[in-house]
Amino acid sequence: MTKLLKIAFIKARWHAEIVDQALVGFEADMDSVDATVQITSFDVPGAFEMPLLAKNLGASGDYDAIVCAALVVDGGIYRHDFVAAAVVNGLMEAQMCTGVPTFSVSLTPHHFQPSAEHIEFYSEHFVKKGSEAAQAVRQTLEHYV
């Protein structure tokens, strides 16, 4: 019998065209797993909203792992550093409170501009980071599931 892995994938909607590429990379890499993988995608307004949803999904007992993706950019007021730190700390807290492995594909570039060159670069980078998250999920679940 094939094992069913249930994974929640939370995506922030700021720069959605870029962030969504993490799910593309994640799904492509998870296709190589010797298990049935059920990925449920959840959208939240921004990165700051991810930890609470991750905690609630983890507490539900419905998921083997949770992956969160966001692009937190420098808007010129240095708020992004505080948001990024709060998000990563919140995701770690959600993981520790629920016991469900929680992964971050949240990037905080300091020089992002919504130019075609940056959008293309970060879109490709998020595909790669999504694939890396899939590898981390597989390696971690070998120990927990």
N, C-alpha and C. Protein backbone atom coordinates (compact mmCIF):
# COMPACT_ATOMS: atom_id res chain seq x y z
N MET A 1 0.84 -1.18 0.00
CA MET A 1 0.00 0.00 0.00
C MET A 1 0.89 1.24 0.00
N THR A 2 0.53 2.21 -0.78
CA THR A 2 1.29 3.46 -0.90
C THR A 2 0.89 4.41 0.22
N LYS A 3 1.89 5.03 0.83
CA LYS A 3 1.68 6.00 1.89
C LYS A 3 1.10 7.29 1.31
N LEU A 4 0.13 7.89 2.02
CA LEU A 4 -0.43 9.18 1.63
C LEU A 4 0.24 10.26 2.46
N LEU A 5 0.88 11.22 1.80
CA LEU A 5 1.46 12.38 2.46
C LEU A 5 0.56 13.58 2.19
N LYS A 6 0.09 14.20 3.25
CA LYS A 6 -0.78 15.37 3.11
C LYS A 6 0.03 16.61 3.50
N ILE A 7 0.14 17.52 2.55
CA ILE A 7 0.95 18.71 2.74
C ILE A 7 0.12 19.95 2.47
N ALA A 8 0.20 20.90 3.40
CA ALA A 8 -0.43 22.22 3.22
C ALA A 8 0.64 23.15 2.65
N PHE A 9 0.28 23.93 1.65
CA PHE A 9 1.21 24.89 1.04
C PHE A 9 0.55 26.27 1.11
N ILE A 10 1.10 27.12 1.96
CA ILE A 10 0.55 28.47 2.18
C ILE A 10 1.34 29.45 1.33
N LYS A 11 0.62 30.30 0.57
CA LYS A 11 1.26 31.28 -0.31
C LYS A 11 0.76 32.69 0.00
N ALA A 12 1.70 33.60 0.23
CA ALA A 12 1.34 35.01 0.40
C ALA A 12 1.03 35.60 -0.97
N ARG A 13 0.08 36.51 -1.02
CA ARG A 13 -0.37 37.06 -2.30
C ARG A 13 0.43 38.27 -2.77
N TRP A 14 1.25 38.89 -1.92
CA TRP A 14 2.11 39.96 -2.41
C TRP A 14 3.08 39.35 -3.41
N HIS A 15 3.15 39.92 -4.61
CA HIS A 15 3.99 39.40 -5.69
C HIS A 15 3.63 37.95 -6.00
N ALA A 16 2.34 37.69 -6.10
CA ALA A 16 1.83 36.33 -6.30
C ALA A 16 2.42 35.64 -7.52
N GLU A 17 2.66 36.39 -8.60
CA GLU A 17 3.19 35.78 -9.83
C GLU A 17 4.57 35.17 -9.59
N ILE A 18 5.30 35.70 -8.62
CA ILE A 18 6.61 35.17 -8.27
C ILE A 18 6.46 34.07 -7.22
N VAL A 19 5.72 34.35 -6.17
CA VAL A 19 5.57 33.41 -5.05
C VAL A 19 4.96 32.09 -5.52
N ASP A 20 4.01 32.15 -6.43
CA ASP A 20 3.36 30.93 -6.93
C ASP A 20 4.35 29.96 -7.57
N GLN A 21 5.48 30.45 -8.01
CA GLN A 21 6.47 29.58 -8.64
C GLN A 21 7.08 28.60 -7.64
N ALA A 22 7.05 28.95 -6.35
CA ALA A 22 7.54 28.01 -5.33
C ALA A 22 6.69 26.74 -5.33
N LEU A 23 5.39 26.90 -5.49
CA LEU A 23 4.50 25.74 -5.55
C LEU A 23 4.78 24.92 -6.81
N VAL A 24 5.06 25.58 -7.91
CA VAL A 24 5.38 24.88 -9.16
C VAL A 24 6.61 23.99 -8.95
N GLY A 25 7.66 24.55 -8.37
CA GLY A 25 8.88 23.78 -8.12
C GLY A 25 8.65 22.67 -7.11
N PHE A 26 7.85 22.96 -6.08
CA PHE A 26 7.55 21.98 -5.05
C PHE A 26 6.80 20.78 -5.65
N GLU A 27 5.75 21.07 -6.41
CA GLU A 27 4.96 19.98 -7.00
C GLU A 27 5.79 19.15 -7.97
N ALA A 28 6.62 19.79 -8.77
CA ALA A 28 7.45 19.05 -9.73
C ALA A 28 8.40 18.10 -9.01
N ASP A 29 8.99 18.56 -7.93
CA ASP A 29 9.93 17.71 -7.20
C ASP A 29 9.21 16.62 -6.42
N MET A 30 8.04 16.90 -5.90
CA MET A 30 7.29 15.89 -5.13
C MET A 30 6.74 14.80 -6.04
N ASP A 31 6.69 15.04 -7.34
CA ASP A 31 6.25 14.00 -8.27
C ASP A 31 7.17 12.78 -8.25
N SER A 32 8.40 12.97 -7.79
CA SER A 32 9.36 11.87 -7.77
C SER A 32 9.27 11.01 -6.51
N VAL A 33 8.36 11.33 -5.62
CA VAL A 33 8.22 10.62 -4.35
C VAL A 33 7.52 9.28 -4.57
N ASP A 34 7.98 8.27 -3.84
CA ASP A 34 7.36 6.95 -3.90
C ASP A 34 6.21 6.91 -2.89
N ALA A 35 5.27 7.79 -3.07
CA ALA A 35 4.10 7.88 -2.20
C ALA A 35 3.04 8.70 -2.92
N THR A 36 1.84 8.63 -2.42
CA THR A 36 0.79 9.49 -2.93
C THR A 36 0.87 10.79 -2.15
N VAL A 37 0.98 11.90 -2.86
CA VAL A 37 1.13 13.19 -2.23
C VAL A 37 -0.09 14.04 -2.53
N GLN A 38 -0.72 14.52 -1.48
CA GLN A 38 -1.88 15.41 -1.61
C GLN A 38 -1.45 16.78 -1.10
N ILE A 39 -1.36 17.76 -2.02
CA ILE A 39 -0.96 19.11 -1.66
C ILE A 39 -2.19 20.00 -1.72
N THR A 40 -2.47 20.65 -0.60
CA THR A 40 -3.58 21.59 -0.53
C THR A 40 -3.00 22.99 -0.40
N SER A 41 -3.38 23.86 -1.32
CA SER A 41 -2.84 25.21 -1.36
C SER A 41 -3.78 26.18 -0.65
N PHE A 42 -3.18 27.09 0.13
CA PHE A 42 -3.92 28.13 0.84
C PHE A 42 -3.29 29.47 0.51
N ASP A 43 -4.11 30.47 0.22
CA ASP A 43 -3.62 31.82 -0.04
C ASP A 43 -3.91 32.72 1.15
N VAL A 44 -2.94 33.57 1.50
CA VAL A 44 -3.11 34.56 2.55
C VAL A 44 -2.68 35.91 1.98
N PRO A 45 -3.17 37.01 2.55
CA PRO A 45 -2.84 38.32 1.99
C PRO A 45 -1.34 38.60 1.90
N GLY A 46 -0.61 38.32 2.97
CA GLY A 46 0.82 38.60 2.98
C GLY A 46 1.55 37.63 3.87
N ALA A 47 2.85 37.80 3.96
CA ALA A 47 3.69 36.91 4.75
C ALA A 47 3.31 36.91 6.23
N PHE A 48 2.93 38.07 6.73
CA PHE A 48 2.62 38.21 8.15
C PHE A 48 1.46 37.31 8.59
N GLU A 49 0.60 36.94 7.66
CA GLU A 49 -0.55 36.10 7.98
C GLU A 49 -0.25 34.61 7.94
N MET A 50 0.92 34.23 7.48
CA MET A 50 1.24 32.80 7.33
C MET A 50 1.38 32.04 8.65
N PRO A 51 2.04 32.58 9.68
CA PRO A 51 2.25 31.78 10.89
C PRO A 51 0.97 31.33 11.59
N LEU A 52 -0.03 32.19 11.67
CA LEU A 52 -1.27 31.79 12.35
C LEU A 52 -1.97 30.67 11.58
N LEU A 53 -2.03 30.79 10.26
CA LEU A 53 -2.66 29.72 9.48
C LEU A 53 -1.83 28.44 9.60
N ALA A 54 -0.51 28.55 9.58
CA ALA A 54 0.34 27.36 9.74
C ALA A 54 0.07 26.70 11.08
N LYS A 55 -0.05 27.48 12.11
CA LYS A 55 -0.32 26.93 13.44
C LYS A 55 -1.69 26.23 13.47
N ASN A 56 -2.69 26.87 12.91
CA ASN A 56 -4.04 26.28 12.91
C ASN A 56 -4.09 25.00 12.07
N LEU A 57 -3.42 25.00 10.92
CA LEU A 57 -3.39 23.80 10.08
C LEU A 57 -2.62 22.68 10.77
N GLY A 58 -1.52 23.02 11.42
CA GLY A 58 -0.76 22.02 12.16
C GLY A 58 -1.57 21.43 13.30
N ALA A 59 -2.29 22.28 14.02
CA ALA A 59 -3.10 21.83 15.16
C ALA A 59 -4.27 20.96 14.71
N SER A 60 -4.68 21.10 13.45
CA SER A 60 -5.82 20.32 12.96
C SER A 60 -5.51 18.83 12.90
N GLY A 61 -4.23 18.48 12.78
CA GLY A 61 -3.85 17.09 12.64
C GLY A 61 -4.08 16.53 11.25
N ASP A 62 -4.45 17.40 10.31
CA ASP A 62 -4.76 16.96 8.95
C ASP A 62 -3.56 16.90 8.01
N TYR A 63 -2.42 17.42 8.44
CA TYR A 63 -1.28 17.54 7.52
C TYR A 63 -0.01 16.94 8.13
N ASP A 64 0.79 16.34 7.26
CA ASP A 64 2.08 15.79 7.66
C ASP A 64 3.16 16.87 7.66
N ALA A 65 2.98 17.90 6.84
CA ALA A 65 3.94 18.99 6.74
C ALA A 65 3.24 20.23 6.22
N ILE A 66 3.84 21.37 6.52
CA ILE A 66 3.32 22.65 6.05
C ILE A 66 4.47 23.43 5.43
N VAL A 67 4.24 23.98 4.25
CA VAL A 67 5.24 24.78 3.56
C VAL A 67 4.64 26.16 3.34
N CYS A 68 5.44 27.20 3.60
CA CYS A 68 4.96 28.58 3.46
C CYS A 68 5.89 29.35 2.53
N ALA A 69 5.31 30.12 1.62
CA ALA A 69 6.10 30.87 0.65
C ALA A 69 5.66 32.32 0.61
N ALA A 70 6.67 33.21 0.59
CA ALA A 70 6.40 34.64 0.52
C ALA A 70 7.62 35.36 -0.02
N LEU A 71 7.39 36.54 -0.56
CA LEU A 71 8.45 37.44 -0.98
C LEU A 71 8.24 38.74 -0.21
N VAL A 72 9.13 39.00 0.73
CA VAL A 72 9.04 40.19 1.58
C VAL A 72 10.09 41.17 1.07
N VAL A 73 9.64 42.26 0.46
CA VAL A 73 10.59 43.16 -0.20
C VAL A 73 10.79 44.45 0.59
N ASP A 74 11.91 45.08 0.32
CA ASP A 74 12.28 46.35 0.92
C ASP A 74 11.47 47.45 0.25
N GLY A 75 10.54 48.02 1.00
CA GLY A 75 9.72 49.11 0.47
C GLY A 75 10.33 50.47 0.73
N GLY A 76 11.57 50.50 1.20
CA GLY A 76 12.23 51.76 1.43
C GLY A 76 12.15 52.27 2.86
N ILE A 77 11.44 51.54 3.73
CA ILE A 77 11.32 51.99 5.12
C ILE A 77 11.87 50.95 6.10
N TYR A 78 12.55 49.95 5.61
CA TYR A 78 13.18 48.91 6.41
C TYR A 78 12.21 48.09 7.24
N ARG A 79 10.95 48.19 7.00
CA ARG A 79 9.95 47.38 7.71
C ARG A 79 10.07 45.91 7.33
N HIS A 80 10.57 45.64 6.14
CA HIS A 80 10.64 44.25 5.64
C HIS A 80 11.49 43.36 6.53
N ASP A 81 12.55 43.89 7.11
CA ASP A 81 13.39 43.09 8.00
C ASP A 81 12.61 42.62 9.23
N PHE A 82 11.79 43.50 9.78
CA PHE A 82 10.99 43.15 10.95
C PHE A 82 9.91 42.14 10.58
N VAL A 83 9.28 42.35 9.43
CA VAL A 83 8.24 41.41 8.98
C VAL A 83 8.86 40.03 8.74
N ALA A 84 9.98 39.99 8.03
CA ALA A 84 10.61 38.70 7.73
C ALA A 84 11.00 37.97 9.00
N ALA A 85 11.56 38.68 9.97
CA ALA A 85 11.95 38.05 11.23
C ALA A 85 10.73 37.53 11.98
N ALA A 86 9.66 38.34 12.01
CA ALA A 86 8.44 37.92 12.70
C ALA A 86 7.84 36.69 12.04
N VAL A 87 7.88 36.62 10.73
CA VAL A 87 7.32 35.49 10.00
C VAL A 87 8.11 34.22 10.30
N VAL A 88 9.42 34.28 10.19
CA VAL A 88 10.23 33.09 10.44
C VAL A 88 10.09 32.63 11.89
N ASN A 89 10.11 33.57 12.82
CA ASN A 89 9.91 33.22 14.23
C ASN A 89 8.53 32.62 14.47
N GLY A 90 7.51 33.18 13.81
CA GLY A 90 6.15 32.67 13.95
C GLY A 90 6.00 31.27 13.38
N LEU A 91 6.66 31.01 12.26
CA LEU A 91 6.59 29.67 11.68
C LEU A 91 7.30 28.66 12.56
N MET A 92 8.42 29.06 13.15
CA MET A 92 9.12 28.16 14.07
C MET A 92 8.24 27.88 15.29
N GLU A 93 7.58 28.91 15.80
CA GLU A 93 6.69 28.72 16.96
C GLU A 93 5.53 27.79 16.60
N ALA A 94 4.95 27.96 15.41
CA ALA A 94 3.86 27.09 14.97
C ALA A 94 4.32 25.64 14.92
N GLN A 95 5.51 25.44 14.38
CA GLN A 95 6.08 24.09 14.29
C GLN A 95 6.30 23.49 15.67
N MET A 96 6.85 24.26 16.57
CA MET A 96 7.14 23.75 17.90
C MET A 96 5.86 23.49 18.70
N CYS A 97 4.84 24.31 18.51
CA CYS A 97 3.58 24.13 19.24
C CYS A 97 2.78 22.94 18.74
N THR A 98 2.85 22.66 17.43
CA THR A 98 1.99 21.62 16.87
C THR A 98 2.73 20.31 16.62
N GLY A 99 4.05 20.36 16.53
CA GLY A 99 4.80 19.16 16.21
C GLY A 99 4.75 18.79 14.74
N VAL A 100 4.18 19.66 13.91
CA VAL A 100 4.10 19.40 12.47
C VAL A 100 5.24 20.17 11.79
N PRO A 101 6.12 19.47 11.06
CA PRO A 101 7.22 20.16 10.39
C PRO A 101 6.71 21.28 9.49
N THR A 102 7.28 22.45 9.67
CA THR A 102 6.84 23.64 8.93
C THR A 102 8.07 24.26 8.25
N PHE A 103 7.95 24.50 6.96
CA PHE A 103 9.07 24.94 6.14
C PHE A 103 8.80 26.32 5.56
N SER A 104 9.85 27.10 5.42
CA SER A 104 9.73 28.45 4.88
C SER A 104 10.46 28.58 3.55
N VAL A 105 9.74 29.06 2.57
CA VAL A 105 10.31 29.49 1.30
C VAL A 105 10.03 30.98 1.21
N SER A 106 10.45 31.69 2.24
CA SER A 106 10.21 33.12 2.34
C SER A 106 11.53 33.85 2.12
N LEU A 107 11.57 34.63 1.07
CA LEU A 107 12.78 35.35 0.71
C LEU A 107 12.62 36.84 0.97
N THR A 108 13.73 37.48 1.33
CA THR A 108 13.73 38.90 1.67
C THR A 108 14.87 39.60 0.93
N PRO A 109 14.70 39.83 -0.36
CA PRO A 109 15.76 40.53 -1.10
C PRO A 109 15.80 42.00 -0.71
N HIS A 110 16.99 42.55 -0.64
CA HIS A 110 17.13 43.96 -0.26
C HIS A 110 17.04 44.91 -1.44
N HIS A 111 17.16 44.40 -2.65
CA HIS A 111 17.19 45.29 -3.80
C HIS A 111 16.19 44.88 -4.87
N PHE A 112 15.04 44.38 -4.48
CA PHE A 112 14.03 43.97 -5.45
C PHE A 112 13.34 45.19 -6.04
N GLN A 113 13.20 45.18 -7.35
CA GLN A 113 12.40 46.17 -8.07
C GLN A 113 11.47 45.39 -8.99
N PRO A 114 10.24 45.85 -9.16
CA PRO A 114 9.30 45.10 -10.02
C PRO A 114 9.61 45.29 -11.51
N SER A 115 10.86 45.09 -11.88
CA SER A 115 11.27 45.18 -13.28
C SER A 115 11.19 43.77 -13.89
N ALA A 116 11.16 43.71 -15.20
CA ALA A 116 11.09 42.42 -15.88
C ALA A 116 12.27 41.53 -15.49
N GLU A 117 13.45 42.13 -15.39
CA GLU A 117 14.64 41.36 -15.04
C GLU A 117 14.53 40.75 -13.64
N HIS A 118 14.09 41.52 -12.66
CA HIS A 118 13.96 41.01 -11.29
C HIS A 118 12.83 40.00 -11.18
N ILE A 119 11.72 40.27 -11.85
CA ILE A 119 10.60 39.34 -11.80
C ILE A 119 11.01 37.98 -12.39
N GLU A 120 11.72 38.01 -13.51
CA GLU A 120 12.19 36.76 -14.11
C GLU A 120 13.18 36.04 -13.19
N PHE A 121 14.14 36.77 -12.64
CA PHE A 121 15.14 36.16 -11.77
C PHE A 121 14.49 35.52 -10.55
N TYR A 122 13.62 36.27 -9.85
CA TYR A 122 13.02 35.74 -8.63
C TYR A 122 11.99 34.66 -8.92
N SER A 123 11.32 34.72 -10.06
CA SER A 123 10.41 33.64 -10.43
C SER A 123 11.17 32.32 -10.58
N GLU A 124 12.29 32.38 -11.28
CA GLU A 124 13.12 31.18 -11.45
C GLU A 124 13.69 30.73 -10.11
N HIS A 125 14.08 31.68 -9.29
CA HIS A 125 14.65 31.36 -7.98
C HIS A 125 13.60 30.67 -7.09
N PHE A 126 12.35 31.12 -7.16
CA PHE A 126 11.30 30.50 -6.36
C PHE A 126 11.00 29.08 -6.82
N VAL A 127 11.11 28.80 -8.10
CA VAL A 127 10.96 27.41 -8.57
C VAL A 127 12.02 26.55 -7.91
N LYS A 128 13.26 27.03 -7.92
CA LYS A 128 14.37 26.30 -7.31
C LYS A 128 14.13 26.12 -5.81
N LYS A 129 13.72 27.17 -5.13
CA LYS A 129 13.50 27.10 -3.69
C LYS A 129 12.32 26.18 -3.36
N GLY A 130 11.31 26.14 -4.21
CA GLY A 130 10.20 25.20 -4.02
C GLY A 130 10.67 23.77 -4.12
N SER A 131 11.55 23.50 -5.09
CA SER A 131 12.12 22.17 -5.23
C SER A 131 12.96 21.81 -4.01
N GLU A 132 13.75 22.76 -3.52
CA GLU A 132 14.55 22.51 -2.32
C GLU A 132 13.66 22.25 -1.11
N ALA A 133 12.53 22.94 -1.02
CA ALA A 133 11.59 22.70 0.08
C ALA A 133 11.03 21.28 0.00
N ALA A 134 10.74 20.81 -1.21
CA ALA A 134 10.24 19.44 -1.37
C ALA A 134 11.28 18.44 -0.88
N GLN A 135 12.53 18.69 -1.20
CA GLN A 135 13.59 17.79 -0.73
C GLN A 135 13.68 17.80 0.79
N ALA A 136 13.56 18.98 1.38
CA ALA A 136 13.61 19.08 2.84
C ALA A 136 12.41 18.38 3.48
N VAL A 137 11.24 18.52 2.88
CA VAL A 137 10.04 17.84 3.39
C VAL A 137 10.26 16.33 3.37
N ARG A 138 10.73 15.81 2.24
CA ARG A 138 10.96 14.37 2.13
C ARG A 138 11.95 13.88 3.18
N GLN A 139 13.06 14.58 3.31
CA GLN A 139 14.08 14.17 4.28
C GLN A 139 13.56 14.23 5.71
N THR A 140 12.82 15.26 6.02
CA THR A 140 12.28 15.41 7.37
C THR A 140 11.22 14.37 7.67
N LEU A 141 10.33 14.12 6.72
CA LEU A 141 9.24 13.17 6.97
C LEU A 141 9.74 11.73 7.09
N GLU A 142 10.94 11.46 6.59
CA GLU A 142 11.52 10.13 6.79
C GLU A 142 11.67 9.85 8.29
N HIS A 143 11.82 10.91 9.08
CA HIS A 143 12.03 10.77 10.52
C HIS A 143 10.75 10.87 11.33
N TYR A 144 9.69 11.44 10.74
CA TYR A 144 8.48 11.73 11.53
C TYR A 144 7.24 10.98 11.09
N VAL A 145 7.20 10.51 9.87
CA VAL A 145 5.96 9.89 9.38
C VAL A 145 6.18 8.41 9.18
